[in-house]
PDB file of N, CA and C in Angstrom:
ATOM      1  N   MET A   1       7.418 -21.118  11.033  1.00  0.00           N
ATOM      2  CA  MET A   1       7.944 -19.800  10.594  1.00  0.00           C
ATOM      3  C   MET A   1       7.311 -18.768  11.641  1.00  0.00           C
ATOM      4  N   ALA A   2       8.780 -17.878  11.860  1.00  0.00           N
ATOM      5  CA  ALA A   2       8.265 -16.881  12.775  1.00  0.00           C
ATOM      6  C   ALA A   2       7.307 -15.571  11.927  1.00  0.00           C
ATOM      7  N   LYS A   3       6.766 -14.930  12.954  1.00  0.00           N
ATOM      8  CA  LYS A   3       6.176 -13.717  12.263  1.00  0.00           C
ATOM      9  C   LYS A   3       6.712 -12.603  13.149  1.00  0.00           C
ATOM     10  N   GLN A   4       6.760 -11.583  12.266  1.00  0.00           N
ATOM     11  CA  GLN A   4       7.132 -10.322  12.723  1.00  0.00           C
ATOM     12  C   GLN A   4       6.094  -9.178  12.840  1.00  0.00           C
ATOM     13  N   VAL A   5       5.711  -8.669  13.703  1.00  0.00           N
ATOM     14  CA  VAL A   5       5.082  -7.437  13.801  1.00  0.00           C
ATOM     15  C   VAL A   5       5.448  -6.140  13.308  1.00  0.00           C
ATOM     16  N   ILE A   6       4.924  -5.379  12.721  1.00  0.00           N
ATOM     17  CA  ILE A   6       5.596  -4.005  12.271  1.00  0.00           C
ATOM     18  C   ILE A   6       4.236  -3.156  13.043  1.00  0.00           C
ATOM     19  N   SER A   7       4.539  -2.238  13.930  1.00  0.00           N
ATOM     20  CA  SER A   7       4.113  -1.197  14.156  1.00  0.00           C
ATOM     21  C   SER A   7       4.506  -0.089  14.407  1.00  0.00           C
ATOM     22  N   GLY A   8       4.032   1.323  14.248  1.00  0.00           N
ATOM     23  CA  GLY A   8       4.632   2.405  14.507  1.00  0.00           C
ATOM     24  C   GLY A   8       4.106   3.019  15.582  1.00  0.00           C
ATOM     25  N   PRO A   9       4.464   4.388  15.764  1.00  0.00           N
ATOM     26  CA  PRO A   9       4.046   5.416  17.084  1.00  0.00           C
ATOM     27  C   PRO A   9       2.544   5.550  16.768  1.00  0.00           C
ATOM     28  N   GLY A  10       1.707   5.341  17.727  1.00  0.00           N
ATOM     29  CA  GLY A  10       0.708   5.627  18.288  1.00  0.00           C
ATOM     30  C   GLY A  10      -0.502   4.195  18.172  1.00  0.00           C
ATOM     31  N   MET A  11       0.132   3.189  17.832  1.00  0.00           N
ATOM     32  CA  MET A  11      -0.548   2.030  17.775  1.00  0.00           C
ATOM     33  C   MET A  11      -0.561   1.183  18.988  1.00  0.00           C
ATOM     34  N   GLU A  12       0.340   1.917  20.328  1.00  0.00           N
ATOM     35  CA  GLU A  12       0.262   1.087  21.537  1.00  0.00           C
ATOM     36  C   GLU A  12      -1.117   0.957  21.984  1.00  0.00           C
ATOM     37  N   GLY A  13      -1.721  -0.190  22.254  1.00  0.00           N
ATOM     38  CA  GLY A  13      -2.955  -0.513  22.898  1.00  0.00           C
ATOM     39  C   GLY A  13      -4.131  -0.607  21.921  1.00  0.00           C
ATOM     40  N   LEU A  14      -3.542  -0.578  21.027  1.00  0.00           N
ATOM     41  CA  LEU A  14      -4.694  -1.019  19.707  1.00  0.00           C
ATOM     42  C   LEU A  14      -4.680  -2.356  19.727  1.00  0.00           C
ATOM     43  N   PRO A  15      -6.022  -2.916  19.299  1.00  0.00           N
ATOM     44  CA  PRO A  15      -5.928  -4.271  19.123  1.00  0.00           C
ATOM     45  C   PRO A  15      -5.575  -4.879  17.695  1.00  0.00           C
ATOM     46  N   LEU A  16      -4.517  -4.313  17.082  1.00  0.00           N
ATOM     47  CA  LEU A  16      -4.181  -4.560  15.931  1.00  0.00           C
ATOM     48  C   LEU A  16      -2.993  -4.130  15.193  1.00  0.00           C
ATOM     49  N   SER A  17      -2.100  -4.599  14.169  1.00  0.00           N
ATOM     50  CA  SER A  17      -0.843  -4.200  13.970  1.00  0.00           C
ATOM     51  C   SER A  17      -0.732  -3.210  12.608  1.00  0.00           C
ATOM     52  N   GLU A  18      -0.057  -2.576  12.418  1.00  0.00           N
ATOM     53  CA  GLU A  18      -0.098  -1.870  10.932  1.00  0.00           C
ATOM     54  C   GLU A  18       0.310  -3.126   9.980  1.00  0.00           C
ATOM     55  N   ALA A  19       1.219  -3.918  10.494  1.00  0.00           N
ATOM     56  CA  ALA A  19       1.561  -4.939   9.420  1.00  0.00           C
ATOM     57  C   ALA A  19       2.168  -6.065  10.205  1.00  0.00           C
ATOM     58  N   VAL A  20       1.931  -7.507   9.599  1.00  0.00           N
ATOM     59  CA  VAL A  20       2.401  -8.584  10.110  1.00  0.00           C
ATOM     60  C   VAL A  20       3.269  -9.228   8.920  1.00  0.00           C
ATOM     61  N   ARG A  21       4.422  -9.507   9.112  1.00  0.00           N
ATOM     62  CA  ARG A  21       5.692 -10.313   8.350  1.00  0.00           C
ATOM     63  C   ARG A  21       5.311 -11.967   8.600  1.00  0.00           C
ATOM     64  N   ALA A  22       4.823 -12.499   7.573  1.00  0.00           N
ATOM     65  CA  ALA A  22       5.087 -14.182   8.084  1.00  0.00           C
ATOM     66  C   ALA A  22       5.906 -14.825   6.783  1.00  0.00           C
ATOM     67  N   GLY A  23       7.068 -15.023   7.010  1.00  0.00           N
ATOM     68  CA  GLY A  23       7.931 -15.546   6.069  1.00  0.00           C
ATOM     69  C   GLY A  23       8.282 -14.265   4.864  1.00  0.00           C
ATOM     70  N   ASP A  24       7.732 -14.781   3.516  1.00  0.00           N
ATOM     71  CA  ASP A  24       8.124 -13.973   2.693  1.00  0.00           C
ATOM     72  C   ASP A  24       6.809 -12.970   2.242  1.00  0.00           C
ATOM     73  N   PHE A  25       6.085 -12.950   3.087  1.00  0.00           N
ATOM     74  CA  PHE A  25       4.494 -12.429   2.672  1.00  0.00           C
ATOM     75  C   PHE A  25       4.593 -11.329   4.058  1.00  0.00           C
ATOM     76  N   ILE A  26       3.931 -10.132   3.674  1.00  0.00           N
ATOM     77  CA  ILE A  26       3.559  -9.098   4.837  1.00  0.00           C
ATOM     78  C   ILE A  26       2.003  -8.501   4.264  1.00  0.00           C
ATOM     79  N   TYR A  27       1.360  -8.715   5.270  1.00  0.00           N
ATOM     80  CA  TYR A  27       0.114  -8.135   5.409  1.00  0.00           C
ATOM     81  C   TYR A  27      -0.219  -6.953   6.031  1.00  0.00           C
ATOM     82  N   VAL A  28      -0.588  -5.984   5.559  1.00  0.00           N
ATOM     83  CA  VAL A  28      -0.814  -4.817   5.694  1.00  0.00           C
ATOM     84  C   VAL A  28      -2.250  -4.311   6.105  1.00  0.00           C
ATOM     85  N   SER A  29      -2.418  -4.011   7.588  1.00  0.00           N
ATOM     86  CA  SER A  29      -3.950  -3.901   7.721  1.00  0.00           C
ATOM     87  C   SER A  29      -4.316  -2.543   7.012  1.00  0.00           C
ATOM     88  N   GLY A  30      -6.082  -2.646   7.192  1.00  0.00           N
ATOM     89  CA  GLY A  30      -6.635  -1.816   6.312  1.00  0.00           C
ATOM     90  C   GLY A  30      -6.219  -0.520   7.064  1.00  0.00           C
ATOM     91  N   MET A  31      -6.086   0.382   5.860  1.00  0.00           N
ATOM     92  CA  MET A  31      -5.833   1.877   6.146  1.00  0.00           C
ATOM     93  C   MET A  31      -6.509   2.832   5.407  1.00  0.00           C
ATOM     94  N   VAL A  32      -6.834   4.084   6.191  1.00  0.00           N
ATOM     95  CA  VAL A  32      -7.451   5.369   5.459  1.00  0.00           C
ATOM     96  C   VAL A  32      -6.672   6.354   5.594  1.00  0.00           C
ATOM     97  N   GLY A  33      -6.910   7.540   4.938  1.00  0.00           N
ATOM     98  CA  GLY A  33      -6.062   8.662   4.690  1.00  0.00           C
ATOM     99  C   GLY A  33      -5.890   9.607   5.946  1.00  0.00           C
ATOM    100  N   PHE A  34      -5.825   9.201   7.006  1.00  0.00           N
ATOM    101  CA  PHE A  34      -5.299   9.873   7.891  1.00  0.00           C
ATOM    102  C   PHE A  34      -4.061  11.091   7.814  1.00  0.00           C
ATOM    103  N   GLY A  35      -4.158  12.103   7.897  1.00  0.00           N
ATOM    104  CA  GLY A  35      -3.113  13.043   7.687  1.00  0.00           C
ATOM    105  C   GLY A  35      -2.195  13.019   9.171  1.00  0.00           C
ATOM    106  N   PRO A  36      -1.348  14.029   9.288  1.00  0.00           N
ATOM    107  CA  PRO A  36      -0.623  14.176  10.339  1.00  0.00           C
ATOM    108  C   PRO A  36      -1.253  14.276  11.496  1.00  0.00           C
ATOM    109  N   ASP A  37      -2.334  15.272  11.427  1.00  0.00           N
ATOM    110  CA  ASP A  37      -3.141  15.893  12.389  1.00  0.00           C
ATOM    111  C   ASP A  37      -4.231  14.590  12.862  1.00  0.00           C
ATOM    112  N   GLY A  38      -4.120  13.573  12.378  1.00  0.00           N
ATOM    113  CA  GLY A  38      -5.054  12.529  12.822  1.00  0.00           C
ATOM    114  C   GLY A  38      -6.611  12.662  12.331  1.00  0.00           C
ATOM    115  N   ARG A  39      -6.833  13.423  11.283  1.00  0.00           N
ATOM    116  CA  ARG A  39      -7.820  13.763  10.699  1.00  0.00           C
ATOM    117  C   ARG A  39      -7.939  13.115   9.304  1.00  0.00           C
ATOM    118  N   ILE A  40      -8.866  12.793   8.558  1.00  0.00           N
ATOM    119  CA  ILE A  40      -8.897  12.366   7.436  1.00  0.00           C
ATOM    120  C   ILE A  40      -8.384  13.755   6.203  1.00  0.00           C
ATOM    121  N   VAL A  41      -7.417  13.276   5.337  1.00  0.00           N
ATOM    122  CA  VAL A  41      -7.138  14.392   4.588  1.00  0.00           C
ATOM    123  C   VAL A  41      -8.033  14.831   3.848  1.00  0.00           C
ATOM    124  N   GLU A  42      -8.092  16.351   3.457  1.00  0.00           N
ATOM    125  CA  GLU A  42      -9.193  16.968   2.470  1.00  0.00           C
ATOM    126  C   GLU A  42      -8.646  16.686   0.901  1.00  0.00           C
ATOM    127  N   GLY A  43      -9.686  16.784   0.261  1.00  0.00           N
ATOM    128  CA  GLY A  43      -9.275  16.974  -1.122  1.00  0.00           C
ATOM    129  C   GLY A  43     -10.010  15.588  -1.736  1.00  0.00           C
ATOM    130  N   GLY A  44     -10.942  15.044  -1.132  1.00  0.00           N
ATOM    131  CA  GLY A  44     -11.453  13.511  -1.772  1.00  0.00           C
ATOM    132  C   GLY A  44     -10.904  12.416  -1.811  1.00  0.00           C
ATOM    133  N   VAL A  45     -11.572  11.350  -2.342  1.00  0.00           N
ATOM    134  CA  VAL A  45     -11.077   9.947  -2.652  1.00  0.00           C
ATOM    135  C   VAL A  45      -9.600   9.884  -3.316  1.00  0.00           C
ATOM    136  N   ALA A  46      -9.178  10.821  -4.319  1.00  0.00           N
ATOM    137  CA  ALA A  46      -7.852  10.949  -4.634  1.00  0.00           C
ATOM    138  C   ALA A  46      -6.678  11.228  -3.770  1.00  0.00           C
ATOM    139  N   ALA A  47      -7.267  12.251  -2.948  1.00  0.00           N
ATOM    140  CA  ALA A  47      -6.039  12.688  -1.949  1.00  0.00           C
ATOM    141  C   ALA A  47      -6.025  11.561  -0.771  1.00  0.00           C
ATOM    142  N   GLU A  48      -7.004  10.912  -0.508  1.00  0.00           N
ATOM    143  CA  GLU A  48      -7.196   9.970   0.533  1.00  0.00           C
ATOM    144  C   GLU A  48      -6.358   8.565  -0.012  1.00  0.00           C
ATOM    145  N   THR A  49      -6.557   8.478  -1.349  1.00  0.00           N
ATOM    146  CA  THR A  49      -5.787   7.483  -1.968  1.00  0.00           C
ATOM    147  C   THR A  49      -4.388   7.554  -1.892  1.00  0.00           C
ATOM    148  N   ASP A  50      -3.812   8.751  -2.376  1.00  0.00           N
ATOM    149  CA  ASP A  50      -2.378   9.217  -2.327  1.00  0.00           C
ATOM    150  C   ASP A  50      -1.987   8.851  -0.749  1.00  0.00           C
ATOM    151  N   ARG A  51      -2.622   9.419   0.225  1.00  0.00           N
ATOM    152  CA  ARG A  51      -1.945   9.384   1.749  1.00  0.00           C
ATOM    153  C   ARG A  51      -1.984   7.960   1.922  1.00  0.00           C
ATOM    154  N   ILE A  52      -2.860   7.095   1.611  1.00  0.00           N
ATOM    155  CA  ILE A  52      -3.078   5.690   1.994  1.00  0.00           C
ATOM    156  C   ILE A  52      -1.362   5.249   1.231  1.00  0.00           C
ATOM    157  N   MET A  53      -1.535   5.361  -0.033  1.00  0.00           N
ATOM    158  CA  MET A  53      -0.382   4.750  -0.620  1.00  0.00           C
ATOM    159  C   MET A  53       0.908   5.381  -0.241  1.00  0.00           C
ATOM    160  N   ALA A  54       1.094   6.522   0.291  1.00  0.00           N
ATOM    161  CA  ALA A  54       2.427   6.999   1.200  1.00  0.00           C
ATOM    162  C   ALA A  54       2.556   6.015   2.436  1.00  0.00           C
ATOM    163  N   ASP A  55       1.723   6.035   3.133  1.00  0.00           N
ATOM    164  CA  ASP A  55       1.566   5.275   4.315  1.00  0.00           C
ATOM    165  C   ASP A  55       1.970   3.745   4.228  1.00  0.00           C
ATOM    166  N   ALA A  56       1.351   3.363   3.104  1.00  0.00           N
ATOM    167  CA  ALA A  56       1.563   1.779   2.620  1.00  0.00           C
ATOM    168  C   ALA A  56       3.209   1.682   2.455  1.00  0.00           C
ATOM    169  N   ALA A  57       3.655   2.543   1.683  1.00  0.00           N
ATOM    170  CA  ALA A  57       5.026   2.749   1.286  1.00  0.00           C
ATOM    171  C   ALA A  57       6.044   2.737   2.218  1.00  0.00           C
ATOM    172  N   ASP A  58       5.661   3.637   3.214  1.00  0.00           N
ATOM    173  CA  ASP A  58       6.449   3.668   4.653  1.00  0.00           C
ATOM    174  C   ASP A  58       6.477   2.361   5.257  1.00  0.00           C
ATOM    175  N   ILE A  59       5.306   1.686   5.839  1.00  0.00           N
ATOM    176  CA  ILE A  59       5.120   0.440   6.290  1.00  0.00           C
ATOM    177  C   ILE A  59       5.582  -0.669   5.715  1.00  0.00           C
ATOM    178  N   LEU A  60       5.662  -0.297   4.318  1.00  0.00           N
ATOM    179  CA  LEU A  60       6.311  -1.801   3.652  1.00  0.00           C
ATOM    180  C   LEU A  60       8.042  -1.573   3.610  1.00  0.00           C
ATOM    181  N   LYS A  61       8.560  -0.391   3.699  1.00  0.00           N
ATOM    182  CA  LYS A  61       9.623  -0.162   3.962  1.00  0.00           C
ATOM    183  C   LYS A  61      10.429  -0.554   5.159  1.00  0.00           C
ATOM    184  N   ARG A  62       9.594  -0.454   6.269  1.00  0.00           N
ATOM    185  CA  ARG A  62       9.845  -0.855   7.623  1.00  0.00           C
ATOM    186  C   ARG A  62      10.078  -2.365   7.599  1.00  0.00           C
ATOM    187  N   ALA A  63       9.367  -3.255   6.882  1.00  0.00           N
ATOM    188  CA  ALA A  63       9.183  -4.197   6.688  1.00  0.00           C
ATOM    189  C   ALA A  63      10.109  -4.831   5.772  1.00  0.00           C
ATOM    190  N   GLY A  64      10.901  -4.134   5.028  1.00  0.00           N
ATOM    191  CA  GLY A  64      11.828  -4.838   3.976  1.00  0.00           C
ATOM    192  C   GLY A  64      11.528  -4.865   2.610  1.00  0.00           C
ATOM    193  N   ALA A  65      10.344  -4.064   2.313  1.00  0.00           N
ATOM    194  CA  ALA A  65       9.814  -4.426   0.901  1.00  0.00           C
ATOM    195  C   ALA A  65       9.194  -2.948   0.521  1.00  0.00           C
ATOM    196  N   SER A  66       8.598  -2.945  -0.648  1.00  0.00           N
ATOM    197  CA  SER A  66       8.242  -1.817  -1.658  1.00  0.00           C
ATOM    198  C   SER A  66       6.880  -1.970  -2.095  1.00  0.00           C
ATOM    199  N   LEU A  67       6.294  -1.213  -2.483  1.00  0.00           N
ATOM    200  CA  LEU A  67       5.061  -1.099  -3.517  1.00  0.00           C
ATOM    201  C   LEU A  67       5.201  -2.050  -4.442  1.00  0.00           C
ATOM    202  N   THR A  68       6.192  -1.992  -5.351  1.00  0.00           N
ATOM    203  CA  THR A  68       6.376  -3.133  -6.170  1.00  0.00           C
ATOM    204  C   THR A  68       6.084  -4.537  -5.400  1.00  0.00           C
ATOM    205  N   ASP A  69       6.482  -4.767  -4.714  1.00  0.00           N
ATOM    206  CA  ASP A  69       6.095  -6.076  -3.716  1.00  0.00           C
ATOM    207  C   ASP A  69       4.485  -6.608  -3.603  1.00  0.00           C
ATOM    208  N   ILE A  70       3.820  -5.546  -3.829  1.00  0.00           N
ATOM    209  CA  ILE A  70       2.486  -5.970  -3.533  1.00  0.00           C
ATOM    210  C   ILE A  70       1.869  -6.702  -4.292  1.00  0.00           C
ATOM    211  N   VAL A  71       1.126  -7.852  -4.126  1.00  0.00           N
ATOM    212  CA  VAL A  71       0.466  -8.814  -5.125  1.00  0.00           C
ATOM    213  C   VAL A  71      -1.013  -8.755  -5.065  1.00  0.00           C
ATOM    214  N   LYS A  72      -1.577  -8.187  -3.776  1.00  0.00           N
ATOM    215  CA  LYS A  72      -3.140  -8.287  -3.684  1.00  0.00           C
ATOM    216  C   LYS A  72      -3.290  -6.736  -3.130  1.00  0.00           C
ATOM    217  N   VAL A  73      -4.491  -6.488  -3.366  1.00  0.00           N
ATOM    218  CA  VAL A  73      -5.153  -5.328  -2.951  1.00  0.00           C
ATOM    219  C   VAL A  73      -6.372  -5.332  -2.482  1.00  0.00           C
ATOM    220  N   SER A  74      -7.136  -4.844  -1.307  1.00  0.00           N
ATOM    221  CA  SER A  74      -8.267  -5.173  -1.090  1.00  0.00           C
ATOM    222  C   SER A  74      -9.121  -3.295  -0.635  1.00  0.00           C
ATOM    223  N   ILE A  75      -9.888  -3.185  -1.713  1.00  0.00           N
ATOM    224  CA  ILE A  75     -10.339  -1.675  -1.581  1.00  0.00           C
ATOM    225  C   ILE A  75     -12.178  -1.514  -0.995  1.00  0.00           C
ATOM    226  N   CYS A  76     -12.101  -0.425  -0.305  1.00  0.00           N
ATOM    227  CA  CYS A  76     -13.589  -0.518   0.204  1.00  0.00           C
ATOM    228  C   CYS A  76     -13.645   1.098  -0.188  1.00  0.00           C
ATOM    229  N   LEU A  77     -14.702   1.233  -0.965  1.00  0.00           N
ATOM    230  CA  LEU A  77     -15.123   2.752  -1.257  1.00  0.00           C
ATOM    231  C   LEU A  77     -16.526   2.933  -0.697  1.00  0.00           C
ATOM    232  N   THR A  78     -16.718   4.091   0.014  1.00  0.00           N
ATOM    233  CA  THR A  78     -17.935   4.475   0.462  1.00  0.00           C
ATOM    234  C   THR A  78     -19.076   5.048  -0.409  1.00  0.00           C
ATOM    235  N   LYS A  79     -18.658   5.393  -1.802  1.00  0.00           N
ATOM    236  CA  LYS A  79     -19.437   5.836  -2.897  1.00  0.00           C
ATOM    237  C   LYS A  79     -19.119   5.020  -4.157  1.00  0.00           C
ATOM    238  N   ALA A  80     -19.975   4.556  -4.936  1.00  0.00           N
ATOM    239  CA  ALA A  80     -19.487   3.860  -6.278  1.00  0.00           C
ATOM    240  C   ALA A  80     -19.079   4.982  -7.118  1.00  0.00           C
ATOM    241  N   ASP A  81     -19.710   6.080  -6.821  1.00  0.00           N
ATOM    242  CA  ASP A  81     -19.371   7.166  -8.170  1.00  0.00           C
ATOM    243  C   ASP A  81     -17.924   7.779  -7.658  1.00  0.00           C
ATOM    244  N   ASP A  82     -17.200   7.023  -6.207  1.00  0.00           N
ATOM    245  CA  ASP A  82     -15.852   7.744  -6.528  1.00  0.00           C
ATOM    246  C   ASP A  82     -14.972   6.588  -7.091  1.00  0.00           C
ATOM    247  N   PHE A  83     -15.494   5.425  -7.953  1.00  0.00           N
ATOM    248  CA  PHE A  83     -14.514   4.532  -8.441  1.00  0.00           C
ATOM    249  C   PHE A  83     -13.773   5.135  -9.520  1.00  0.00           C
ATOM    250  N   ALA A  84     -14.205   6.027 -10.588  1.00  0.00           N
ATOM    251  CA  ALA A  84     -13.344   6.429 -11.272  1.00  0.00           C
ATOM    252  C   ALA A  84     -12.381   7.351 -10.925  1.00  0.00           C
ATOM    253  N   ALA A  85     -12.587   8.335  -9.742  1.00  0.00           N
ATOM    254  CA  ALA A  85     -11.219   9.094  -9.396  1.00  0.00           C
ATOM    255  C   ALA A  85     -10.446   8.205  -8.673  1.00  0.00           C
ATOM    256  N   PHE A  86     -10.713   7.112  -7.731  1.00  0.00           N
ATOM    257  CA  PHE A  86     -10.040   6.159  -6.976  1.00  0.00           C
ATOM    258  C   PHE A  86      -9.131   5.855  -7.967  1.00  0.00           C
ATOM    259  N   ASN A  87      -9.709   4.890  -9.121  1.00  0.00           N
ATOM    260  CA  ASN A  87      -9.021   4.311 -10.262  1.00  0.00           C
ATOM    261  C   ASN A  87      -7.807   5.337 -10.704  1.00  0.00           C
ATOM    262  N   GLU A  88      -7.751   6.369 -11.184  1.00  0.00           N
ATOM    263  CA  GLU A  88      -7.180   7.282 -11.606  1.00  0.00           C
ATOM    264  C   GLU A  88      -5.757   7.709 -10.593  1.00  0.00           C
ATOM    265  N   ALA A  89      -6.090   7.767  -9.387  1.00  0.00           N
ATOM    266  CA  ALA A  89      -5.377   8.193  -8.371  1.00  0.00           C
ATOM    267  C   ALA A  89      -4.421   6.623  -8.070  1.00  0.00           C
ATOM    268  N   TYR A  90      -5.220   5.629  -8.139  1.00  0.00           N
ATOM    269  CA  TYR A  90      -4.505   4.469  -7.893  1.00  0.00           C
ATOM    270  C   TYR A  90      -3.418   3.787  -8.912  1.00  0.00           C
ATOM    271  N   ALA A  91      -3.898   4.361 -10.160  1.00  0.00           N
ATOM    272  CA  ALA A  91      -3.291   3.571 -11.428  1.00  0.00           C
ATOM    273  C   ALA A  91      -1.726   4.105 -11.504  1.00  0.00           C
ATOM    274  N   LYS A  92      -1.545   5.468 -10.656  1.00  0.00           N
ATOM    275  CA  LYS A  92      -0.359   5.952 -10.811  1.00  0.00           C
ATOM    276  C   LYS A  92       0.559   5.080 -10.021  1.00  0.00           C
ATOM    277  N   TYR A  93       0.224   4.565  -9.311  1.00  0.00           N
ATOM    278  CA  TYR A  93       1.303   3.964  -8.225  1.00  0.00           C
ATOM    279  C   TYR A  93       1.645   2.193  -8.799  1.00  0.00           C
ATOM    280  N   PHE A  94       0.561   1.612  -9.816  1.00  0.00           N
ATOM    281  CA  PHE A  94       0.810   0.573 -10.539  1.00  0.00           C
ATOM    282  C   PHE A  94       0.918   0.533 -11.763  1.00  0.00           C
ATOM    283  N   ARG A  95       1.832   1.385 -12.567  1.00  0.00           N
ATOM    284  CA  ARG A  95       1.962   1.290 -14.092  1.00  0.00           C
ATOM    285  C   ARG A  95       2.488   0.209 -14.822  1.00  0.00           C
ATOM    286  N   LYS A  96       2.793  -0.736 -13.953  1.00  0.00           N
ATOM    287  CA  LYS A  96       3.441  -1.824 -14.644  1.00  0.00           C
ATOM    288  C   LYS A  96       3.236  -3.192 -13.677  1.00  0.00           C
ATOM    289  N   ASP A  97       2.610  -4.369 -14.172  1.00  0.00           N
ATOM    290  CA  ASP A  97       2.413  -5.298 -13.586  1.00  0.00           C
ATOM    291  C   ASP A  97       1.458  -5.123 -12.329  1.00  0.00           C
ATOM    292  N   PRO A  98       0.576  -4.400 -12.215  1.00  0.00           N
ATOM    293  CA  PRO A  98      -0.566  -3.965 -11.087  1.00  0.00           C
ATOM    294  C   PRO A  98      -0.748  -5.385 -10.590  1.00  0.00           C
ATOM    295  N   PRO A  99      -1.311  -5.490  -8.944  1.00  0.00           N
ATOM    296  CA  PRO A  99      -1.590  -6.742  -8.056  1.00  0.00           C
ATOM    297  C   PRO A  99      -2.822  -6.867  -8.495  1.00  0.00           C
ATOM    298  N   ALA A 100      -2.964  -8.069  -8.168  1.00  0.00           N
ATOM    299  CA  ALA A 100      -4.481  -8.580  -8.020  1.00  0.00           C
ATOM    300  C   ALA A 100      -5.423  -7.559  -7.052  1.00  0.00           C
ATOM    301  N   ARG A 101      -6.913  -7.388  -7.446  1.00  0.00           N
ATOM    302  CA  ARG A 101      -7.794  -6.368  -6.662  1.00  0.00           C
ATOM    303  C   ARG A 101      -9.009  -6.795  -6.399  1.00  0.00           C
ATOM    304  N   VAL A 102      -9.579  -6.420  -5.514  1.00  0.00           N
ATOM    305  CA  VAL A 102     -10.968  -6.316  -5.358  1.00  0.00           C
ATOM    306  C   VAL A 102     -11.390  -5.327  -4.632  1.00  0.00           C
ATOM    307  N   SER A 103     -12.609  -4.687  -5.257  1.00  0.00           N
ATOM    308  CA  SER A 103     -12.906  -3.553  -4.759  1.00  0.00           C
ATOM    309  C   SER A 103     -14.620  -3.472  -4.530  1.00  0.00           C
ATOM    310  N   LEU A 104     -14.788  -2.968  -3.295  1.00  0.00           N
ATOM    311  CA  LEU A 104     -16.068  -3.168  -2.765  1.00  0.00           C
ATOM    312  C   LEU A 104     -16.807  -1.727  -2.385  1.00  0.00           C
ATOM    313  N   VAL A 105     -17.728  -1.486  -2.578  1.00  0.00           N
ATOM    314  CA  VAL A 105     -18.662  -0.313  -2.021  1.00  0.00           C
ATOM    315  C   VAL A 105     -19.658  -0.848  -0.551  1.00  0.00           C
ATOM    316  N   ALA A 106     -19.202  -0.084   0.658  1.00  0.00           N
ATOM    317  CA  ALA A 106     -19.905  -0.333   2.099  1.00  0.00           C
ATOM    318  C   ALA A 106     -19.489   0.937   2.786  1.00  0.00           C
ATOM    319  N   ASP A 107     -20.287   0.802   3.961  1.00  0.00           N
ATOM    320  CA  ASP A 107     -19.993   1.743   4.772  1.00  0.00           C
ATOM    321  C   ASP A 107     -18.596   1.745   5.628  1.00  0.00           C
ATOM    322  N   LEU A 108     -18.107   2.559   5.962  1.00  0.00           N
ATOM    323  CA  LEU A 108     -16.580   2.431   6.637  1.00  0.00           C
ATOM    324  C   LEU A 108     -17.187   2.945   8.359  1.00  0.00           C
ATOM    325  N   THR A 109     -16.455   2.315   9.179  1.00  0.00           N
ATOM    326  CA  THR A 109     -16.521   2.996  10.529  1.00  0.00           C
ATOM    327  C   THR A 109     -16.287   4.079  10.839  1.00  0.00           C
ATOM    328  N   ILE A 110     -15.567   4.902   9.821  1.00  0.00           N
ATOM    329  CA  ILE A 110     -15.065   6.304  10.265  1.00  0.00           C
ATOM    330  C   ILE A 110     -15.211   7.289   9.089  1.00  0.00           C
ATOM    331  N   ASP A 111     -15.154   8.350   9.130  1.00  0.00           N
ATOM    332  CA  ASP A 111     -15.671   9.363   8.006  1.00  0.00           C
ATOM    333  C   ASP A 111     -14.769   9.410   6.850  1.00  0.00           C
ATOM    334  N   ALA A 112     -14.349   8.332   6.255  1.00  0.00           N
ATOM    335  CA  ALA A 112     -13.210   8.129   5.350  1.00  0.00           C
ATOM    336  C   ALA A 112     -14.154   7.707   3.964  1.00  0.00           C
ATOM    337  N   ARG A 113     -13.619   8.062   2.852  1.00  0.00           N
ATOM    338  CA  ARG A 113     -14.174   7.666   1.453  1.00  0.00           C
ATOM    339  C   ARG A 113     -13.736   6.261   1.145  1.00  0.00           C
ATOM    340  N   VAL A 114     -12.291   6.080   1.522  1.00  0.00           N
ATOM    341  CA  VAL A 114     -11.671   4.790   1.034  1.00  0.00           C
ATOM    342  C   VAL A 114     -11.021   4.091   1.871  1.00  0.00           C
ATOM    343  N   GLU A 115     -11.127   3.049   1.789  1.00  0.00           N
ATOM    344  CA  GLU A 115      -9.924   2.190   2.945  1.00  0.00           C
ATOM    345  C   GLU A 115      -9.438   0.752   2.120  1.00  0.00           C
ATOM    346  N   MET A 116      -8.083   0.717   2.118  1.00  0.00           N
ATOM    347  CA  MET A 116      -7.537  -0.208   1.856  1.00  0.00           C
ATOM    348  C   MET A 116      -6.118  -1.048   2.532  1.00  0.00           C
ATOM    349  N   ASP A 117      -6.399  -2.350   1.998  1.00  0.00           N
ATOM    350  CA  ASP A 117      -5.268  -3.527   2.544  1.00  0.00           C
ATOM    351  C   ASP A 117      -4.281  -3.959   1.804  1.00  0.00           C
ATOM    352  N   PHE A 118      -3.411  -4.242   2.113  1.00  0.00           N
ATOM    353  CA  PHE A 118      -2.476  -4.885   0.960  1.00  0.00           C
ATOM    354  C   PHE A 118      -1.657  -6.339   1.489  1.00  0.00           C
ATOM    355  N   ILE A 119      -1.712  -7.058   0.576  1.00  0.00           N
ATOM    356  CA  ILE A 119      -0.636  -8.115   0.694  1.00  0.00           C
ATOM    357  C   ILE A 119       0.624  -7.977  -0.332  1.00  0.00           C
ATOM    358  N   ALA A 120       1.756  -8.246   0.347  1.00  0.00           N
ATOM    359  CA  ALA A 120       3.019  -8.152  -0.272  1.00  0.00           C
ATOM    360  C   ALA A 120       3.699  -9.417  -0.318  1.00  0.00           C
ATOM    361  N   TYR A 121       4.628  -9.777  -1.147  1.00  0.00           N
ATOM    362  CA  TYR A 121       5.333 -10.839  -1.407  1.00  0.00           C
ATOM    363  C   TYR A 121       6.842 -10.533  -1.665  1.00  0.00           C
ATOM    364  N   THR A 122       7.695 -10.885  -0.992  1.00  0.00           N
ATOM    365  CA  THR A 122       8.992 -10.871  -0.979  1.00  0.00           C
ATOM    366  C   THR A 122      10.228 -11.771  -1.531  1.00  0.00           C
ATOM    367  N   GLY A 123       9.490 -13.087  -1.662  1.00  0.00           N
ATOM    368  CA  GLY A 123      10.392 -14.125  -2.137  1.00  0.00           C
ATOM    369  C   GLY A 123      10.645 -13.965  -3.669  1.00  0.00           C
ATOM    370  N   LYS A 124      11.574 -14.874  -3.961  1.00  0.00           N
ATOM    371  CA  LYS A 124      11.674 -15.118  -5.409  1.00  0.00           C
ATOM    372  C   LYS A 124      10.904 -15.987  -6.204  1.00  0.00           C
TER     373      LYS A 124
END
């Protein structure tokens, strides 16, 4: 099985790929809510979640998939108090047949409130 690396501008020289397609699976690296200016978007965990989901949709599209193909999401929040606001923002994207999910609370290496990674499956 051949693998396909999906990386966009600004990824050159970094020791990771935005995503890797291996057969019918697409593994999207951990993402935070960076805006176009390279800073974390303002507006708290909901705004960061919306930004991550928009970026994930773009990456998956470049890999030949969409948000509906996501089968597993891993979420890391920096504050347990953000869980309700995160869940409200996240739920907008998975109204039917939501993917499996794990949620953790931990420090992140940058000043973000949420980080997410995704696994998508495009097979039949």
